[in-house]
Amino acid sequence: MNIDRNQIWVGIVTGLLVPFVGYAVLLMVSEKLDEWLPQFTTDGESVIMPRTLYLLAICINLIPFHLFDRRRFAKAMRGVIIATMILGVAWLVYFGKNMLD
């Protein structure tokens, strides 16, 4: 089964999966840093806010975007951008009201 990787749906799926995996990795790293460096925690909570981890996870989409760009997969790049925009709007809707307070 040979799948043409230069498709918008491939970019959308990649653009949605990579941030979720990236968030899991960033969360594990954040927890380990809190464990190893307790002086950087306040009242047992991490200094790194969850919204920062979510935003960094969305920014990890630059990696597949760059890989698709190097292979000249323009349609897949569009899919990654669509997924990134969806996640960015969701992040803004979810955390936007907290940032304005």
Protein backbone atom coordinates (compact mmCIF):
# COMPACT_ATOMS: atom_id res chain seq x y z
CA MET A 1 0.00 0.00 0.00
CA ASN A 2 1.66 3.15 -1.24
CA ILE A 3 0.26 6.36 0.27
CA ASP A 4 0.93 9.65 -1.47
CA ARG A 5 2.26 11.81 1.36
CA ASN A 6 1.72 15.04 -0.51
CA GLN A 7 -1.94 15.29 0.52
CA ILE A 8 -3.70 17.85 2.69
CA TRP A 9 -5.18 15.16 4.95
CA VAL A 10 -1.68 13.80 5.69
CA GLY A 11 -0.61 17.27 6.78
CA ILE A 12 -3.73 17.75 8.93
CA VAL A 13 -3.28 14.41 10.67
CA THR A 14 0.42 15.10 11.19
CA GLY A 15 -0.33 18.62 12.38
CA LEU A 16 -2.79 17.31 14.97
CA LEU A 17 -0.79 14.31 16.21
CA VAL A 18 2.63 15.94 16.57
CA PRO A 19 1.48 18.59 19.11
CA PHE A 20 -0.26 15.96 21.26
CA VAL A 21 2.87 13.82 21.37
CA GLY A 22 4.97 16.95 21.90
CA TYR A 23 2.77 18.03 24.80
CA ALA A 24 3.17 14.63 26.44
CA VAL A 25 6.95 14.85 26.12
CA LEU A 26 7.03 18.45 27.39
CA LEU A 27 4.81 17.51 30.33
CA MET A 28 7.12 14.64 31.29
CA VAL A 29 10.17 16.91 31.03
CA SER A 30 8.43 19.57 33.12
CA GLU A 31 7.53 17.04 35.81
CA LYS A 32 11.08 15.70 35.92
CA LEU A 33 12.50 19.22 36.18
CA ASP A 34 10.14 19.92 39.09
CA GLU A 35 11.35 16.72 40.71
CA TRP A 36 15.05 17.41 40.18
CA LEU A 37 14.95 21.16 40.86
CA PRO A 38 12.44 21.75 43.65
CA GLN A 39 13.73 25.28 44.23
CA PHE A 40 11.99 26.33 41.00
CA THR A 41 8.53 25.25 42.17
CA THR A 42 6.10 27.39 44.11
CA ASP A 43 3.95 25.62 46.70
CA GLY A 44 4.62 22.29 45.01
CA GLU A 45 3.39 23.53 41.62
CA SER A 46 5.48 23.98 38.53
CA VAL A 47 6.60 27.43 37.50
CA ILE A 48 5.90 26.49 33.87
CA MET A 49 2.22 27.17 33.27
CA PRO A 50 0.10 24.66 31.33
CA ARG A 51 -0.76 27.26 28.69
CA THR A 52 2.96 27.65 27.98
CA LEU A 53 3.33 23.91 27.49
CA TYR A 54 0.33 23.87 25.14
CA LEU A 55 1.76 26.76 23.14
CA LEU A 56 5.18 25.10 22.87
CA ALA A 57 3.48 21.89 21.74
CA ILE A 58 1.69 23.80 18.98
CA CYS A 59 5.01 25.36 17.95
CA ILE A 60 6.50 21.89 17.53
CA ASN A 61 4.51 21.77 14.28
CA LEU A 62 7.41 23.70 12.77
CA ILE A 63 9.34 20.42 12.59
CA PRO A 64 6.98 18.51 10.26
CA PHE A 65 6.34 21.75 8.36
CA HIS A 66 10.08 22.07 7.68
CA LEU A 67 10.36 18.39 6.73
CA PHE A 68 7.48 18.70 4.27
CA ASP A 69 9.06 21.88 2.89
CA ARG A 70 12.39 20.14 2.26
CA ARG A 71 10.57 17.42 0.32
CA ARG A 72 8.49 20.00 -1.58
CA PHE A 73 5.18 18.60 -0.27
CA ALA A 74 3.16 21.81 -0.63
CA LYS A 75 -0.23 20.18 0.01
CA ALA A 76 0.98 18.49 3.19
CA MET A 77 2.46 21.81 4.33
CA ARG A 78 -0.96 23.40 3.87
CA GLY A 79 -2.47 20.64 5.99
CA VAL A 80 0.00 21.31 8.80
CA ILE A 81 -0.81 25.02 8.63
CA ILE A 82 -4.56 24.28 8.78
CA ALA A 83 -4.08 22.05 11.83
CA THR A 84 -1.82 24.64 13.47
CA MET A 85 -4.40 27.37 12.91
CA ILE A 86 -7.15 25.17 14.39
CA LEU A 87 -5.03 24.40 17.46
CA GLY A 88 -3.99 28.05 17.77
CA VAL A 89 -7.58 29.26 17.72
CA ALA A 90 -8.55 26.57 20.25
CA TRP A 91 -5.66 27.68 22.49
CA LEU A 92 -6.71 31.32 22.19
CA VAL A 93 -10.36 30.53 22.97
CA TYR A 94 -9.45 28.36 25.96
CA PHE A 95 -6.71 30.52 27.49
CA GLY A 96 -7.54 33.95 26.05
CA LYS A 97 -9.92 34.96 28.81
CA ASN A 98 -7.29 34.13 31.46
CA MET A 99 -4.67 36.25 29.73
CA LEU A 100 -6.86 39.35 29.67
CA ASP A 101 -7.61 39.25 33.40
